[in-house]
C-alpha cells in the first residue's frame, strides 16, 4: 500500500503519522515510566503544553523490551 489509506464510510478516519527518527525506517519509543514499574511500558508526548489549543497528546503503550536488539 502506498499513499494515504482510503477513508472508511462511517469511520473516524483520523490519522497518526510516526516519524522515522534515525533515517532507518523505524520509529523508536522509550518507556518514560519509573524503573520497576508495573504494567505495560509507556511513552507520552511532551512536545506541547496540554492546555495549548491544537495540542496533540499521544500515549503509546506496549509489552516487551526491544532495547539492545539489533535487526
PDB file of N, CA and C in Angstrom:
ATOM      1  N   UNK A   1       0.847  -1.176   0.000  1.00  0.00           N
ATOM      2  CA  UNK A   1       0.000   0.000   0.000  1.00  0.00           C
ATOM      3  C   UNK A   1       0.890   1.235   0.000  1.00  0.00           C
ATOM      4  N   UNK A   2       0.602   2.134  -0.908  1.00  0.00           N
ATOM      5  CA  UNK A   2       1.339   3.390  -0.974  1.00  0.00           C
ATOM      6  C   UNK A   2       0.365   4.542  -0.907  1.00  0.00           C
ATOM      7  N   UNK A   3       0.756   5.632  -0.242  1.00  0.00           N
ATOM      8  CA  UNK A   3      -0.122   6.771  -0.088  1.00  0.00           C
ATOM      9  C   UNK A   3      -1.073   6.587   1.074  1.00  0.00           C
ATOM     10  N   UNK A   4      -1.889   7.600   1.319  1.00  0.00           N
ATOM     11  CA  UNK A   4      -2.804   7.521   2.456  1.00  0.00           C
ATOM     12  C   UNK A   4      -3.884   6.478   2.222  1.00  0.00           C
ATOM     13  N   UNK A   5      -4.385   5.871   3.313  1.00  0.00           N
ATOM     14  CA  UNK A   5      -5.459   4.888   3.163  1.00  0.00           C
ATOM     15  C   UNK A   5      -6.749   5.568   2.739  1.00  0.00           C
ATOM     16  N   UNK A   6      -7.597   4.828   2.048  1.00  0.00           N
ATOM     17  CA  UNK A   6      -8.905   5.342   1.660  1.00  0.00           C
ATOM     18  C   UNK A   6      -9.758   5.531   2.908  1.00  0.00           C
ATOM     19  N   UNK A   7     -10.567   6.591   2.955  1.00  0.00           N
ATOM     20  CA  UNK A   7     -11.444   6.778   4.104  1.00  0.00           C
ATOM     21  C   UNK A   7     -12.490   5.675   4.179  1.00  0.00           C
ATOM     22  N   UNK A   8     -12.891   5.354   5.412  1.00  0.00           N
ATOM     23  CA  UNK A   8     -13.907   4.344   5.656  1.00  0.00           C
ATOM     24  C   UNK A   8     -15.214   5.063   5.966  1.00  0.00           C
ATOM     25  N   UNK A   9     -16.257   4.766   5.206  1.00  0.00           N
ATOM     26  CA  UNK A   9     -17.541   5.411   5.431  1.00  0.00           C
ATOM     27  C   UNK A   9     -18.052   5.099   6.830  1.00  0.00           C
ATOM     28  N   UNK A  10     -18.424   6.129   7.556  1.00  0.00           N
ATOM     29  CA  UNK A  10     -18.924   5.967   8.916  1.00  0.00           C
ATOM     30  C   UNK A  10     -17.838   5.846   9.963  1.00  0.00           C
ATOM     31  N   UNK A  11     -16.566   5.829   9.552  1.00  0.00           N
ATOM     32  CA  UNK A  11     -15.452   5.724  10.494  1.00  0.00           C
ATOM     33  C   UNK A  11     -14.911   7.079  10.872  1.00  0.00           C
ATOM     34  N   UNK A  12     -14.106   7.123  11.907  1.00  0.00           N
ATOM     35  CA  UNK A  12     -13.481   8.359  12.363  1.00  0.00           C
ATOM     36  C   UNK A  12     -12.501   8.888  11.319  1.00  0.00           C
ATOM     37  N   UNK A  13     -11.680   8.002  10.771  1.00  0.00           N
ATOM     38  CA  UNK A  13     -10.707   8.324   9.728  1.00  0.00           C
ATOM     39  C   UNK A  13      -9.599   9.275  10.174  1.00  0.00           C
ATOM     40  N   UNK A  14      -9.337   9.378  11.490  1.00  0.00           N
ATOM     41  CA  UNK A  14      -8.199  10.158  11.980  1.00  0.00           C
ATOM     42  C   UNK A  14      -6.915   9.411  11.640  1.00  0.00           C
ATOM     43  N   UNK A  15      -5.837  10.133  11.399  1.00  0.00           N
ATOM     44  CA  UNK A  15      -4.550   9.531  11.071  1.00  0.00           C
ATOM     45  C   UNK A  15      -3.535   9.834  12.169  1.00  0.00           C
ATOM     46  N   UNK A  16      -2.547   8.965  12.325  1.00  0.00           N
ATOM     47  CA  UNK A  16      -1.400   9.193  13.195  1.00  0.00           C
ATOM     48  C   UNK A  16      -0.170   8.868  12.377  1.00  0.00           C
ATOM     49  N   UNK A  17       0.728   9.832  12.209  1.00  0.00           N
ATOM     50  CA  UNK A  17       1.948   9.627  11.442  1.00  0.00           C
ATOM     51  C   UNK A  17       3.133   9.633  12.401  1.00  0.00           C
ATOM     52  N   UNK A  18       3.872   8.529  12.462  1.00  0.00           N
ATOM     53  CA  UNK A  18       5.054   8.432  13.311  1.00  0.00           C
ATOM     54  C   UNK A  18       6.284   8.729  12.462  1.00  0.00           C
ATOM     55  N   UNK A  19       7.216   9.479  13.007  1.00  0.00           N
ATOM     56  CA  UNK A  19       8.412   9.893  12.275  1.00  0.00           C
ATOM     57  C   UNK A  19       9.478   8.813  12.294  1.00  0.00           C
ATOM     58  N   UNK A  20      10.313   8.807  11.282  1.00  0.00           N
ATOM     59  CA  UNK A  20      11.482   7.941  11.177  1.00  0.00           C
ATOM     60  C   UNK A  20      12.621   8.700  11.847  1.00  0.00           C
ATOM     61  N   UNK A  21      12.903   8.376  13.128  1.00  0.00           N
ATOM     62  CA  UNK A  21      13.793   9.220  13.929  1.00  0.00           C
ATOM     63  C   UNK A  21      15.282   9.122  13.615  1.00  0.00           C
ATOM     64  N   UNK A  22      15.740   8.039  13.003  1.00  0.00           N
ATOM     65  CA  UNK A  22      17.163   7.911  12.689  1.00  0.00           C
ATOM     66  C   UNK A  22      17.421   7.665  11.210  1.00  0.00           C
ATOM     67  N   UNK A  23      16.423   7.806  10.350  1.00  0.00           N
ATOM     68  CA  UNK A  23      16.601   7.577   8.928  1.00  0.00           C
ATOM     69  C   UNK A  23      16.744   6.109   8.574  1.00  0.00           C
ATOM     70  N   UNK A  24      16.304   5.208   9.466  1.00  0.00           N
ATOM     71  CA  UNK A  24      16.461   3.773   9.224  1.00  0.00           C
ATOM     72  C   UNK A  24      15.110   3.065   9.061  1.00  0.00           C
ATOM     73  N   UNK A  25      14.070   3.854   8.742  1.00  0.00           N
ATOM     74  CA  UNK A  25      12.723   3.330   8.515  1.00  0.00           C
ATOM     75  C   UNK A  25      12.107   2.671   9.743  1.00  0.00           C
ATOM     76  N   UNK A  26      12.479   3.103  10.931  1.00  0.00           N
ATOM     77  CA  UNK A  26      11.857   2.629  12.162  1.00  0.00           C
ATOM     78  C   UNK A  26      11.524   3.833  13.035  1.00  0.00           C
ATOM     79  N   UNK A  27      10.698   3.632  14.005  1.00  0.00           N
ATOM     80  CA  UNK A  27      10.348   4.663  14.974  1.00  0.00           C
ATOM     81  C   UNK A  27      10.648   4.107  16.355  1.00  0.00           C
ATOM     82  N   UNK A  28      11.482   4.764  17.121  1.00  0.00           N
ATOM     83  CA  UNK A  28      11.896   4.288  18.433  1.00  0.00           C
ATOM     84  C   UNK A  28      11.070   4.925  19.531  1.00  0.00           C
ATOM     85  N   UNK A  29      10.496   4.097  20.397  1.00  0.00           N
ATOM     86  CA  UNK A  29       9.790   4.570  21.587  1.00  0.00           C
ATOM     87  C   UNK A  29      10.611   4.141  22.799  1.00  0.00           C
ATOM     88  N   UNK A  30      10.655   4.986  23.824  1.00  0.00           N
ATOM     89  CA  UNK A  30      11.374   4.672  25.056  1.00  0.00           C
ATOM     90  C   UNK A  30      10.426   4.882  26.215  1.00  0.00           C
ATOM     91  N   UNK A  31      10.330   3.883  27.085  1.00  0.00           N
ATOM     92  CA  UNK A  31       9.434   3.965  28.226  1.00  0.00           C
ATOM     93  C   UNK A  31       9.840   5.131  29.119  1.00  0.00           C
ATOM     94  N   UNK A  32       8.860   5.950  29.490  1.00  0.00           N
ATOM     95  CA  UNK A  32       9.120   7.117  30.325  1.00  0.00           C
ATOM     96  C   UNK A  32       8.645   6.919  31.768  1.00  0.00           C
ATOM     97  N   UNK A  33       8.225   5.693  32.089  1.00  0.00           N
ATOM     98  CA  UNK A  33       7.812   5.394  33.464  1.00  0.00           C
ATOM     99  C   UNK A  33       9.042   5.105  34.326  1.00  0.00           C
ATOM    100  N   UNK A  34       8.857   5.066  35.637  1.00  0.00           N
ATOM    101  CA  UNK A  34       9.956   4.784  36.557  1.00  0.00           C
ATOM    102  C   UNK A  34      10.418   3.337  36.438  1.00  0.00           C
ATOM    103  N   UNK A  35      11.701   3.104  36.709  1.00  0.00           N
ATOM    104  CA  UNK A  35      12.267   1.757  36.695  1.00  0.00           C
ATOM    105  C   UNK A  35      11.478   0.856  37.641  1.00  0.00           C
ATOM    106  N   UNK A  36      11.207  -0.376  37.210  1.00  0.00           N
ATOM    107  CA  UNK A  36      10.497  -1.341  38.023  1.00  0.00           C
ATOM    108  C   UNK A  36       8.987  -1.147  38.058  1.00  0.00           C
ATOM    109  N   UNK A  37       8.452  -0.314  37.161  1.00  0.00           N
ATOM    110  CA  UNK A  37       7.008  -0.059  37.160  1.00  0.00           C
ATOM    111  C   UNK A  37       6.214  -1.332  36.877  1.00  0.00           C
ATOM    112  N   UNK A  38       4.952  -1.333  37.273  1.00  0.00           N
ATOM    113  CA  UNK A  38       4.020  -2.418  36.968  1.00  0.00           C
ATOM    114  C   UNK A  38       3.307  -2.100  35.666  1.00  0.00           C
ATOM    115  N   UNK A  39       2.831  -3.134  34.986  1.00  0.00           N
ATOM    116  CA  UNK A  39       2.031  -2.944  33.781  1.00  0.00           C
ATOM    117  C   UNK A  39       2.863  -2.680  32.548  1.00  0.00           C
ATOM    118  N   UNK A  40       2.187  -2.278  31.461  1.00  0.00           N
ATOM    119  CA  UNK A  40       2.881  -2.086  30.190  1.00  0.00           C
ATOM    120  C   UNK A  40       3.823  -0.889  30.223  1.00  0.00           C
ATOM    121  N   UNK A  41       4.784  -0.903  29.298  1.00  0.00           N
ATOM    122  CA  UNK A  41       5.666   0.255  29.107  1.00  0.00           C
ATOM    123  C   UNK A  41       4.842   1.378  28.486  1.00  0.00           C
ATOM    124  N   UNK A  42       5.303   2.619  28.644  1.00  0.00           N
ATOM    125  CA  UNK A  42       4.509   3.754  28.165  1.00  0.00           C
ATOM    126  C   UNK A  42       5.415   4.910  27.792  1.00  0.00           C
ATOM    127  N   UNK A  43       5.099   5.570  26.688  1.00  0.00           N
ATOM    128  CA  UNK A  43       5.732   6.832  26.316  1.00  0.00           C
ATOM    129  C   UNK A  43       4.628   7.832  26.039  1.00  0.00           C
ATOM    130  N   UNK A  44       4.786   9.040  26.587  1.00  0.00           N
ATOM    131  CA  UNK A  44       3.806  10.112  26.373  1.00  0.00           C
ATOM    132  C   UNK A  44       4.478  11.252  25.631  1.00  0.00           C
ATOM    133  N   UNK A  45       3.723  11.877  24.714  1.00  0.00           N
ATOM    134  CA  UNK A  45       4.259  13.045  24.024  1.00  0.00           C
ATOM    135  C   UNK A  45       4.375  14.188  25.018  1.00  0.00           C
ATOM    136  N   UNK A  46       5.454  14.934  24.909  1.00  0.00           N
ATOM    137  CA  UNK A  46       5.666  16.067  25.821  1.00  0.00           C
ATOM    138  C   UNK A  46       6.126  17.289  25.042  1.00  0.00           C
ATOM    139  N   UNK A  47       5.801  17.324  23.749  1.00  0.00           N
ATOM    140  CA  UNK A  47       6.284  18.407  22.903  1.00  0.00           C
ATOM    141  C   UNK A  47       5.488  19.694  23.069  1.00  0.00           C
ATOM    142  N   UNK A  48       4.226  19.568  23.507  1.00  0.00           N
ATOM    143  CA  UNK A  48       3.376  20.745  23.642  1.00  0.00           C
ATOM    144  C   UNK A  48       2.693  20.748  24.994  1.00  0.00           C
ATOM    145  N   UNK A  49       2.371  21.931  25.461  1.00  0.00           N
ATOM    146  CA  UNK A  49       1.624  22.089  26.707  1.00  0.00           C
ATOM    147  C   UNK A  49       0.224  21.525  26.508  1.00  0.00           C
ATOM    148  N   UNK A  50      -0.256  20.705  27.444  1.00  0.00           N
ATOM    149  CA  UNK A  50      -1.573  20.081  27.325  1.00  0.00           C
ATOM    150  C   UNK A  50      -2.680  21.110  27.155  1.00  0.00           C
ATOM    151  N   UNK A  51      -2.506  22.313  27.676  1.00  0.00           N
ATOM    152  CA  UNK A  51      -3.542  23.333  27.600  1.00  0.00           C
ATOM    153  C   UNK A  51      -3.489  24.122  26.290  1.00  0.00           C
ATOM    154  N   UNK A  52      -2.437  23.934  25.495  1.00  0.00           N
ATOM    155  CA  UNK A  52      -2.291  24.674  24.245  1.00  0.00           C
ATOM    156  C   UNK A  52      -3.357  24.236  23.250  1.00  0.00           C
ATOM    157  N   UNK A  53      -3.988  25.199  22.611  1.00  0.00           N
ATOM    158  CA  UNK A  53      -5.008  24.880  21.613  1.00  0.00           C
ATOM    159  C   UNK A  53      -4.364  24.107  20.460  1.00  0.00           C
ATOM    160  N   UNK A  54      -4.977  23.006  20.062  1.00  0.00           N
ATOM    161  CA  UNK A  54      -4.456  22.206  18.965  1.00  0.00           C
ATOM    162  C   UNK A  54      -3.369  21.230  19.377  1.00  0.00           C
ATOM    163  N   UNK A  55      -3.112  21.095  20.682  1.00  0.00           N
ATOM    164  CA  UNK A  55      -2.066  20.175  21.134  1.00  0.00           C
ATOM    165  C   UNK A  55      -2.447  18.742  20.804  1.00  0.00           C
ATOM    166  N   UNK A  56      -1.459  17.947  20.407  1.00  0.00           N
ATOM    167  CA  UNK A  56      -1.652  16.533  20.102  1.00  0.00           C
ATOM    168  C   UNK A  56      -1.022  15.738  21.233  1.00  0.00           C
ATOM    169  N   UNK A  57      -1.836  15.225  22.134  1.00  0.00           N
ATOM    170  CA  UNK A  57      -1.342  14.448  23.259  1.00  0.00           C
ATOM    171  C   UNK A  57      -1.412  12.982  22.887  1.00  0.00           C
ATOM    172  N   UNK A  58      -0.272  12.306  22.885  1.00  0.00           N
ATOM    173  CA  UNK A  58      -0.183  10.920  22.440  1.00  0.00           C
ATOM    174  C   UNK A  58       0.359  10.054  23.569  1.00  0.00           C
ATOM    175  N   UNK A  59      -0.267   8.892  23.801  1.00  0.00           N
ATOM    176  CA  UNK A  59       0.217   7.904  24.747  1.00  0.00           C
ATOM    177  C   UNK A  59       0.357   6.588  23.992  1.00  0.00           C
ATOM    178  N   UNK A  60       1.546   6.004  24.008  1.00  0.00           N
ATOM    179  CA  UNK A  60       1.812   4.716  23.370  1.00  0.00           C
ATOM    180  C   UNK A  60       2.161   3.732  24.476  1.00  0.00           C
ATOM    181  N   UNK A  61       1.488   2.571  24.495  1.00  0.00           N
ATOM    182  CA  UNK A  61       1.776   1.534  25.481  1.00  0.00           C
ATOM    183  C   UNK A  61       2.133   0.240  24.764  1.00  0.00           C
ATOM    184  N   UNK A  62       3.064  -0.547  25.362  1.00  0.00           N
ATOM    185  CA  UNK A  62       3.462  -1.809  24.751  1.00  0.00           C
ATOM    186  C   UNK A  62       4.003  -2.769  25.795  1.00  0.00           C
ATOM    187  N   UNK A  63       4.044  -4.050  25.427  1.00  0.00           N
ATOM    188  CA  UNK A  63       4.627  -5.118  26.245  1.00  0.00           C
ATOM    189  C   UNK A  63       5.985  -5.469  25.648  1.00  0.00           C
ATOM    190  N   UNK A  64       6.869  -6.023  26.453  1.00  0.00           N
ATOM    191  CA  UNK A  64       8.171  -6.477  25.963  1.00  0.00           C
ATOM    192  C   UNK A  64       9.197  -5.370  25.941  1.00  0.00           C
ATOM    193  N   UNK A  65      10.432  -5.724  25.546  1.00  0.00           N
ATOM    194  CA  UNK A  65      11.528  -4.765  25.540  1.00  0.00           C
ATOM    195  C   UNK A  65      12.475  -5.102  24.401  1.00  0.00           C
ATOM    196  N   UNK A  66      12.592  -4.208  23.427  1.00  0.00           N
ATOM    197  CA  UNK A  66      13.491  -4.406  22.289  1.00  0.00           C
ATOM    198  C   UNK A  66      14.854  -3.760  22.522  1.00  0.00           C
ATOM    199  N   UNK A  67      15.083  -3.163  23.681  1.00  0.00           N
ATOM    200  CA  UNK A  67      16.367  -2.479  23.944  1.00  0.00           C
ATOM    201  C   UNK A  67      17.518  -3.453  23.784  1.00  0.00           C
ATOM    202  N   UNK A  68      18.533  -3.020  23.050  1.00  0.00           N
ATOM    203  CA  UNK A  68      19.721  -3.837  22.870  1.00  0.00           C
ATOM    204  C   UNK A  68      19.629  -4.819  21.724  1.00  0.00           C
ATOM    205  N   UNK A  69      18.446  -5.001  21.133  1.00  0.00           N
ATOM    206  CA  UNK A  69      18.308  -5.907  19.989  1.00  0.00           C
ATOM    207  C   UNK A  69      18.662  -5.166  18.716  1.00  0.00           C
ATOM    208  N   UNK A  70      19.314  -5.830  17.805  1.00  0.00           N
ATOM    209  CA  UNK A  70      19.643  -5.252  16.522  1.00  0.00           C
ATOM    210  C   UNK A  70      18.990  -6.068  15.425  1.00  0.00           C
ATOM    211  N   UNK A  71      18.599  -5.367  14.345  1.00  0.00           N
ATOM    212  CA  UNK A  71      17.994  -6.075  13.207  1.00  0.00           C
ATOM    213  C   UNK A  71      19.002  -6.901  12.466  1.00  0.00           C
TER     214      UNK A  71
END
